[in-house]
Amino acid sequence: MGLQVKKKCCGKCLFGSNKIVSDARKANILIGCARKDTHFICHEATIEKKEVVCAAFYNTRTSQMIRISQRLGAIEFVD
């Protein structure tokens, strides 16, 4: 099993119009991800106690783990 990434955005995606946080909080989250060179976990996945990279984050940003997983061919897209 590799790094799991959502196949598509959820209805309350951080990058969508129905996000559950303010624009300021979104900006802080993304700044934190960039500083730590990490990725954003989909909130739907956290509800299920899983660590699955947000589809929109994967499509628009990157992280050390994403780059490594891509080089290894270890990205697993999940529902």
PDB file of N, CA and C in Angstrom:
ATOM      1  N   MET A   1       0.850  -1.179   0.000  1.00  0.00           N
ATOM      2  CA  MET A   1       0.000   0.000   0.000  1.00  0.00           C
ATOM      3  C   MET A   1       0.891   1.236   0.000  1.00  0.00           C
ATOM      4  N   GLY A   2       0.548   2.194  -0.836  1.00  0.00           N
ATOM      5  CA  GLY A   2       1.309   3.426  -0.926  1.00  0.00           C
ATOM      6  C   GLY A   2       0.591   4.578  -0.256  1.00  0.00           C
ATOM      7  N   LEU A   3       0.946   5.756  -0.669  1.00  0.00           N
ATOM      8  CA  LEU A   3       0.290   6.961  -0.161  1.00  0.00           C
ATOM      9  C   LEU A   3      -1.106   7.039  -0.769  1.00  0.00           C
ATOM     10  N   GLN A   4      -2.111   7.090   0.068  1.00  0.00           N
ATOM     11  CA  GLN A   4      -3.481   7.142  -0.417  1.00  0.00           C
ATOM     12  C   GLN A   4      -3.895   8.589  -0.703  1.00  0.00           C
ATOM     13  N   VAL A   5      -4.546   8.765  -1.855  1.00  0.00           N
ATOM     14  CA  VAL A   5      -5.034  10.070  -2.304  1.00  0.00           C
ATOM     15  C   VAL A   5      -6.485   9.889  -2.732  1.00  0.00           C
ATOM     16  N   LYS A   6      -7.346  10.810  -2.309  1.00  0.00           N
ATOM     17  CA  LYS A   6      -8.756  10.749  -2.731  1.00  0.00           C
ATOM     18  C   LYS A   6      -8.839  10.870  -4.247  1.00  0.00           C
ATOM     19  N   LYS A   7      -9.716  10.096  -4.867  1.00  0.00           N
ATOM     20  CA  LYS A   7      -9.919  10.175  -6.315  1.00  0.00           C
ATOM     21  C   LYS A   7     -10.570  11.491  -6.709  1.00  0.00           C
ATOM     22  N   LYS A   8     -11.490  11.976  -5.861  1.00  0.00           N
ATOM     23  CA  LYS A   8     -12.159  13.238  -6.151  1.00  0.00           C
ATOM     24  C   LYS A   8     -12.417  13.986  -4.853  1.00  0.00           C
ATOM     25  N   CYS A   9     -12.669  15.267  -5.002  1.00  0.00           N
ATOM     26  CA  CYS A   9     -12.900  16.125  -3.832  1.00  0.00           C
ATOM     27  C   CYS A   9     -14.224  15.790  -3.159  1.00  0.00           C
ATOM     28  N   CYS A  10     -14.241  15.938  -1.874  1.00  0.00           N
ATOM     29  CA  CYS A  10     -15.475  15.757  -1.122  1.00  0.00           C
ATOM     30  C   CYS A  10     -16.318  17.033  -1.223  1.00  0.00           C
ATOM     31  N   GLY A  11     -17.504  16.991  -0.719  1.00  0.00           N
ATOM     32  CA  GLY A  11     -18.419  18.120  -0.798  1.00  0.00           C
ATOM     33  C   GLY A  11     -18.032  19.321   0.048  1.00  0.00           C
ATOM     34  N   LYS A  12     -17.139  19.129   0.982  1.00  0.00           N
ATOM     35  CA  LYS A  12     -16.724  20.232   1.860  1.00  0.00           C
ATOM     36  C   LYS A  12     -15.222  20.451   1.789  1.00  0.00           C
ATOM     37  N   CYS A  13     -14.670  20.214   0.619  1.00  0.00           N
ATOM     38  CA  CYS A  13     -13.229  20.295   0.392  1.00  0.00           C
ATOM     39  C   CYS A  13     -12.672  21.671   0.749  1.00  0.00           C
ATOM     40  N   LEU A  14     -11.485  21.681   1.319  1.00  0.00           N
ATOM     41  CA  LEU A  14     -10.787  22.917   1.662  1.00  0.00           C
ATOM     42  C   LEU A  14     -10.641  23.829   0.454  1.00  0.00           C
ATOM     43  N   PHE A  15     -10.597  23.257  -0.723  1.00  0.00           N
ATOM     44  CA  PHE A  15     -10.395  24.024  -1.948  1.00  0.00           C
ATOM     45  C   PHE A  15     -11.701  24.355  -2.667  1.00  0.00           C
ATOM     46  N   GLY A  16     -12.832  23.924  -2.141  1.00  0.00           N
ATOM     47  CA  GLY A  16     -14.122  24.151  -2.778  1.00  0.00           C
ATOM     48  C   GLY A  16     -14.881  25.316  -2.175  1.00  0.00           C
ATOM     49  N   SER A  17     -16.007  25.624  -2.783  1.00  0.00           N
ATOM     50  CA  SER A  17     -16.819  26.748  -2.305  1.00  0.00           C
ATOM     51  C   SER A  17     -17.595  26.411  -1.030  1.00  0.00           C
ATOM     52  N   ASN A  18     -17.751  25.140  -0.716  1.00  0.00           N
ATOM     53  CA  ASN A  18     -18.483  24.720   0.488  1.00  0.00           C
ATOM     54  C   ASN A  18     -17.549  24.290   1.616  1.00  0.00           C
ATOM     55  N   LYS A  19     -16.323  24.808   1.628  1.00  0.00           N
ATOM     56  CA  LYS A  19     -15.359  24.411   2.659  1.00  0.00           C
ATOM     57  C   LYS A  19     -15.905  24.749   4.046  1.00  0.00           C
ATOM     58  N   ILE A  20     -15.447  24.006   5.031  1.00  0.00           N
ATOM     59  CA  ILE A  20     -15.974  24.156   6.390  1.00  0.00           C
ATOM     60  C   ILE A  20     -15.136  25.102   7.244  1.00  0.00           C
ATOM     61  N   VAL A  21     -14.151  25.757   6.638  1.00  0.00           N
ATOM     62  CA  VAL A  21     -13.313  26.720   7.359  1.00  0.00           C
ATOM     63  C   VAL A  21     -13.323  28.056   6.619  1.00  0.00           C
ATOM     64  N   SER A  22     -12.916  29.087   7.303  1.00  0.00           N
ATOM     65  CA  SER A  22     -12.842  30.413   6.691  1.00  0.00           C
ATOM     66  C   SER A  22     -11.664  30.481   5.716  1.00  0.00           C
ATOM     67  N   ASP A  23     -11.664  31.512   4.884  1.00  0.00           N
ATOM     68  CA  ASP A  23     -10.541  31.716   3.965  1.00  0.00           C
ATOM     69  C   ASP A  23      -9.244  31.932   4.727  1.00  0.00           C
ATOM     70  N   ALA A  24      -9.317  32.633   5.865  1.00  0.00           N
ATOM     71  CA  ALA A  24      -8.126  32.873   6.677  1.00  0.00           C
ATOM     72  C   ALA A  24      -7.575  31.551   7.232  1.00  0.00           C
ATOM     73  N   ARG A  25      -8.459  30.683   7.716  1.00  0.00           N
ATOM     74  CA  ARG A  25      -8.028  29.379   8.239  1.00  0.00           C
ATOM     75  C   ARG A  25      -7.447  28.522   7.118  1.00  0.00           C
ATOM     76  N   LYS A  26      -8.069  28.559   5.953  1.00  0.00           N
ATOM     77  CA  LYS A  26      -7.546  27.822   4.801  1.00  0.00           C
ATOM     78  C   LYS A  26      -6.113  28.271   4.503  1.00  0.00           C
ATOM     79  N   ALA A  27      -5.907  29.577   4.470  1.00  0.00           N
ATOM     80  CA  ALA A  27      -4.574  30.117   4.199  1.00  0.00           C
ATOM     81  C   ALA A  27      -3.574  29.640   5.247  1.00  0.00           C
ATOM     82  N   ASN A  28      -3.963  29.651   6.517  1.00  0.00           N
ATOM     83  CA  ASN A  28      -3.081  29.186   7.593  1.00  0.00           C
ATOM     84  C   ASN A  28      -2.743  27.699   7.451  1.00  0.00           C
ATOM     85  N   ILE A  29      -3.730  26.906   7.080  1.00  0.00           N
ATOM     86  CA  ILE A  29      -3.510  25.473   6.881  1.00  0.00           C
ATOM     87  C   ILE A  29      -2.489  25.258   5.766  1.00  0.00           C
ATOM     88  N   LEU A  30      -2.668  25.949   4.657  1.00  0.00           N
ATOM     89  CA  LEU A  30      -1.769  25.768   3.516  1.00  0.00           C
ATOM     90  C   LEU A  30      -0.368  26.306   3.795  1.00  0.00           C
ATOM     91  N   ILE A  31      -0.277  27.388   4.549  1.00  0.00           N
ATOM     92  CA  ILE A  31       1.035  27.906   4.954  1.00  0.00           C
ATOM     93  C   ILE A  31       1.738  26.869   5.835  1.00  0.00           C
ATOM     94  N   GLY A  32       1.000  26.288   6.761  1.00  0.00           N
ATOM     95  CA  GLY A  32       1.574  25.256   7.620  1.00  0.00           C
ATOM     96  C   GLY A  32       2.042  24.043   6.836  1.00  0.00           C
ATOM     97  N   CYS A  33       1.271  23.626   5.865  1.00  0.00           N
ATOM     98  CA  CYS A  33       1.676  22.496   5.012  1.00  0.00           C
ATOM     99  C   CYS A  33       2.965  22.829   4.269  1.00  0.00           C
ATOM    100  N   ALA A  34       3.048  24.039   3.732  1.00  0.00           N
ATOM    101  CA  ALA A  34       4.247  24.447   2.986  1.00  0.00           C
ATOM    102  C   ALA A  34       5.467  24.509   3.910  1.00  0.00           C
ATOM    103  N   ARG A  35       5.299  25.083   5.084  1.00  0.00           N
ATOM    104  CA  ARG A  35       6.418  25.190   6.034  1.00  0.00           C
ATOM    105  C   ARG A  35       6.939  23.829   6.476  1.00  0.00           C
ATOM    106  N   LYS A  36       6.018  22.900   6.681  1.00  0.00           N
ATOM    107  CA  LYS A  36       6.394  21.566   7.146  1.00  0.00           C
ATOM    108  C   LYS A  36       6.670  20.606   5.996  1.00  0.00           C
ATOM    109  N   ASP A  37       6.470  21.073   4.760  1.00  0.00           N
ATOM    110  CA  ASP A  37       6.621  20.256   3.553  1.00  0.00           C
ATOM    111  C   ASP A  37       5.803  18.980   3.672  1.00  0.00           C
ATOM    112  N   THR A  38       4.551  19.170   4.075  1.00  0.00           N
ATOM    113  CA  THR A  38       3.637  18.051   4.252  1.00  0.00           C
ATOM    114  C   THR A  38       2.374  18.290   3.427  1.00  0.00           C
ATOM    115  N   HIS A  39       1.457  17.384   3.507  1.00  0.00           N
ATOM    116  CA  HIS A  39       0.232  17.476   2.708  1.00  0.00           C
ATOM    117  C   HIS A  39      -0.991  17.620   3.619  1.00  0.00           C
ATOM    118  N   PHE A  40      -2.107  17.970   3.000  1.00  0.00           N
ATOM    119  CA  PHE A  40      -3.369  18.150   3.721  1.00  0.00           C
ATOM    120  C   PHE A  40      -4.172  16.863   3.632  1.00  0.00           C
ATOM    121  N   ILE A  41      -4.650  16.403   4.768  1.00  0.00           N
ATOM    122  CA  ILE A  41      -5.469  15.197   4.850  1.00  0.00           C
ATOM    123  C   ILE A  41      -6.939  15.582   4.690  1.00  0.00           C
ATOM    124  N   CYS A  42      -7.640  14.864   3.826  1.00  0.00           N
ATOM    125  CA  CYS A  42      -9.071  15.097   3.596  1.00  0.00           C
ATOM    126  C   CYS A  42      -9.835  14.952   4.912  1.00  0.00           C
ATOM    127  N   HIS A  43     -10.718  15.908   5.191  1.00  0.00           N
ATOM    128  CA  HIS A  43     -11.455  15.848   6.460  1.00  0.00           C
ATOM    129  C   HIS A  43     -12.379  14.636   6.510  1.00  0.00           C
ATOM    130  N   GLU A  44     -12.900  14.187   5.361  1.00  0.00           N
ATOM    131  CA  GLU A  44     -13.737  12.983   5.339  1.00  0.00           C
ATOM    132  C   GLU A  44     -12.942  11.778   5.836  1.00  0.00           C
ATOM    133  N   ALA A  45     -11.699  11.711   5.434  1.00  0.00           N
ATOM    134  CA  ALA A  45     -10.844  10.598   5.851  1.00  0.00           C
ATOM    135  C   ALA A  45     -10.579  10.655   7.355  1.00  0.00           C
ATOM    136  N   THR A  46     -10.392  11.853   7.900  1.00  0.00           N
ATOM    137  CA  THR A  46     -10.119  11.959   9.333  1.00  0.00           C
ATOM    138  C   THR A  46     -11.308  11.482  10.160  1.00  0.00           C
ATOM    139  N   ILE A  47     -12.505  11.692   9.650  1.00  0.00           N
ATOM    140  CA  ILE A  47     -13.711  11.206  10.332  1.00  0.00           C
ATOM    141  C   ILE A  47     -13.655   9.686  10.454  1.00  0.00           C
ATOM    142  N   GLU A  48     -13.112   9.037   9.412  1.00  0.00           N
ATOM    143  CA  GLU A  48     -12.982   7.576   9.401  1.00  0.00           C
ATOM    144  C   GLU A  48     -11.658   7.108   9.998  1.00  0.00           C
ATOM    145  N   LYS A  49     -10.914   8.048  10.598  1.00  0.00           N
ATOM    146  CA  LYS A  49      -9.610   7.768  11.215  1.00  0.00           C
ATOM    147  C   LYS A  49      -8.611   7.205  10.209  1.00  0.00           C
ATOM    148  N   LYS A  50      -8.637   7.784   8.997  1.00  0.00           N
ATOM    149  CA  LYS A  50      -7.708   7.399   7.938  1.00  0.00           C
ATOM    150  C   LYS A  50      -6.888   8.621   7.541  1.00  0.00           C
ATOM    151  N   GLU A  51      -5.756   8.373   6.948  1.00  0.00           N
ATOM    152  CA  GLU A  51      -4.923   9.456   6.442  1.00  0.00           C
ATOM    153  C   GLU A  51      -4.888   9.360   4.920  1.00  0.00           C
ATOM    154  N   VAL A  52      -5.739  10.154   4.284  1.00  0.00           N
ATOM    155  CA  VAL A  52      -5.851  10.166   2.830  1.00  0.00           C
ATOM    156  C   VAL A  52      -5.656  11.604   2.361  1.00  0.00           C
ATOM    157  N   VAL A  53      -4.730  11.788   1.447  1.00  0.00           N
ATOM    158  CA  VAL A  53      -4.426  13.131   0.949  1.00  0.00           C
ATOM    159  C   VAL A  53      -5.631  13.686   0.190  1.00  0.00           C
ATOM    160  N   CYS A  54      -5.929  14.933   0.430  1.00  0.00           N
ATOM    161  CA  CYS A  54      -6.999  15.641  -0.266  1.00  0.00           C
ATOM    162  C   CYS A  54      -6.711  15.650  -1.772  1.00  0.00           C
ATOM    163  N   ALA A  55      -7.708  15.334  -2.584  1.00  0.00           N
ATOM    164  CA  ALA A  55      -7.543  15.296  -4.041  1.00  0.00           C
ATOM    165  C   ALA A  55      -7.127  16.643  -4.598  1.00  0.00           C
ATOM    166  N   ALA A  56      -7.747  17.705  -4.140  1.00  0.00           N
ATOM    167  CA  ALA A  56      -7.422  19.041  -4.647  1.00  0.00           C
ATOM    168  C   ALA A  56      -6.016  19.454  -4.227  1.00  0.00           C
ATOM    169  N   PHE A  57      -5.614  19.102  -3.017  1.00  0.00           N
ATOM    170  CA  PHE A  57      -4.251  19.402  -2.595  1.00  0.00           C
ATOM    171  C   PHE A  57      -3.272  18.685  -3.517  1.00  0.00           C
ATOM    172  N   TYR A  58      -3.510  17.418  -3.748  1.00  0.00           N
ATOM    173  CA  TYR A  58      -2.634  16.617  -4.609  1.00  0.00           C
ATOM    174  C   TYR A  58      -2.534  17.215  -6.018  1.00  0.00           C
ATOM    175  N   ASN A  59      -3.645  17.721  -6.520  1.00  0.00           N
ATOM    176  CA  ASN A  59      -3.676  18.266  -7.881  1.00  0.00           C
ATOM    177  C   ASN A  59      -3.109  19.670  -8.002  1.00  0.00           C
ATOM    178  N   THR A  60      -2.954  20.378  -6.894  1.00  0.00           N
ATOM    179  CA  THR A  60      -2.509  21.783  -6.979  1.00  0.00           C
ATOM    180  C   THR A  60      -1.241  22.084  -6.185  1.00  0.00           C
ATOM    181  N   ARG A  61      -0.843  21.195  -5.296  1.00  0.00           N
ATOM    182  CA  ARG A  61       0.306  21.432  -4.432  1.00  0.00           C
ATOM    183  C   ARG A  61       1.159  20.157  -4.386  1.00  0.00           C
ATOM    184  N   THR A  62       2.177  20.177  -3.570  1.00  0.00           N
ATOM    185  CA  THR A  62       2.992  18.980  -3.396  1.00  0.00           C
ATOM    186  C   THR A  62       3.567  18.959  -1.987  1.00  0.00           C
ATOM    187  N   SER A  63       4.191  17.863  -1.652  1.00  0.00           N
ATOM    188  CA  SER A  63       4.864  17.709  -0.364  1.00  0.00           C
ATOM    189  C   SER A  63       5.984  16.698  -0.553  1.00  0.00           C
ATOM    190  N   GLN A  64       6.841  16.604   0.439  1.00  0.00           N
ATOM    191  CA  GLN A  64       7.932  15.640   0.355  1.00  0.00           C
ATOM    192  C   GLN A  64       7.395  14.222   0.163  1.00  0.00           C
ATOM    193  N   MET A  65       6.388  13.853   0.933  1.00  0.00           N
ATOM    194  CA  MET A  65       5.841  12.500   0.840  1.00  0.00           C
ATOM    195  C   MET A  65       5.184  12.256  -0.521  1.00  0.00           C
ATOM    196  N   ILE A  66       4.500  13.249  -1.054  1.00  0.00           N
ATOM    197  CA  ILE A  66       3.895  13.097  -2.378  1.00  0.00           C
ATOM    198  C   ILE A  66       4.989  12.896  -3.426  1.00  0.00           C
ATOM    199  N   ARG A  67       6.040  13.705  -3.387  1.00  0.00           N
ATOM    200  CA  ARG A  67       7.122  13.584  -4.376  1.00  0.00           C
ATOM    201  C   ARG A  67       7.799  12.218  -4.288  1.00  0.00           C
ATOM    202  N   ILE A  68       8.080  11.767  -3.078  1.00  0.00           N
ATOM    203  CA  ILE A  68       8.710  10.450  -2.901  1.00  0.00           C
ATOM    204  C   ILE A  68       7.790   9.348  -3.418  1.00  0.00           C
ATOM    205  N   SER A  69       6.528   9.422  -3.046  1.00  0.00           N
ATOM    206  CA  SER A  69       5.563   8.397  -3.461  1.00  0.00           C
ATOM    207  C   SER A  69       5.389   8.376  -4.972  1.00  0.00           C
ATOM    208  N   GLN A  70       5.385   9.541  -5.598  1.00  0.00           N
ATOM    209  CA  GLN A  70       5.289   9.592  -7.054  1.00  0.00           C
ATOM    210  C   GLN A  70       6.505   8.925  -7.698  1.00  0.00           C
ATOM    211  N   ARG A  71       7.694   9.232  -7.199  1.00  0.00           N
ATOM    212  CA  ARG A  71       8.916   8.634  -7.770  1.00  0.00           C
ATOM    213  C   ARG A  71       8.920   7.110  -7.621  1.00  0.00           C
ATOM    214  N   LEU A  72       8.348   6.621  -6.536  1.00  0.00           N
ATOM    215  CA  LEU A  72       8.309   5.189  -6.290  1.00  0.00           C
ATOM    216  C   LEU A  72       7.105   4.503  -6.954  1.00  0.00           C
ATOM    217  N   GLY A  73       6.237   5.292  -7.584  1.00  0.00           N
ATOM    218  CA  GLY A  73       5.017   4.714  -8.163  1.00  0.00           C
ATOM    219  C   GLY A  73       4.097   4.176  -7.086  1.00  0.00           C
ATOM    220  N   ALA A  74       4.079   4.845  -5.938  1.00  0.00           N
ATOM    221  CA  ALA A  74       3.357   4.336  -4.771  1.00  0.00           C
ATOM    222  C   ALA A  74       2.170   5.214  -4.386  1.00  0.00           C
ATOM    223  N   ILE A  75       1.527   5.816  -5.370  1.00  0.00           N
ATOM    224  CA  ILE A  75       0.305   6.589  -5.115  1.00  0.00           C
ATOM    225  C   ILE A  75      -0.880   5.663  -5.346  1.00  0.00           C
ATOM    226  N   GLU A  76      -1.766   5.601  -4.379  1.00  0.00           N
ATOM    227  CA  GLU A  76      -2.968   4.791  -4.482  1.00  0.00           C
ATOM    228  C   GLU A  76      -4.180   5.714  -4.391  1.00  0.00           C
ATOM    229  N   PHE A  77      -4.946   5.802  -5.462  1.00  0.00           N
ATOM    230  CA  PHE A  77      -6.142   6.651  -5.477  1.00  0.00           C
ATOM    231  C   PHE A  77      -7.321   5.860  -4.922  1.00  0.00           C
ATOM    232  N   VAL A  78      -8.011   6.459  -3.942  1.00  0.00           N
ATOM    233  CA  VAL A  78      -9.093   5.777  -3.251  1.00  0.00           C
ATOM    234  C   VAL A  78     -10.364   6.639  -3.244  1.00  0.00           C
ATOM    235  N   ASP A  79     -11.493   5.952  -3.063  1.00  0.00           N
ATOM    236  CA  ASP A  79     -12.789   6.656  -2.962  1.00  0.00           C
ATOM    237  C   ASP A  79     -12.968   7.273  -1.613  1.00  0.00           C
TER     238      ASP A  79
END
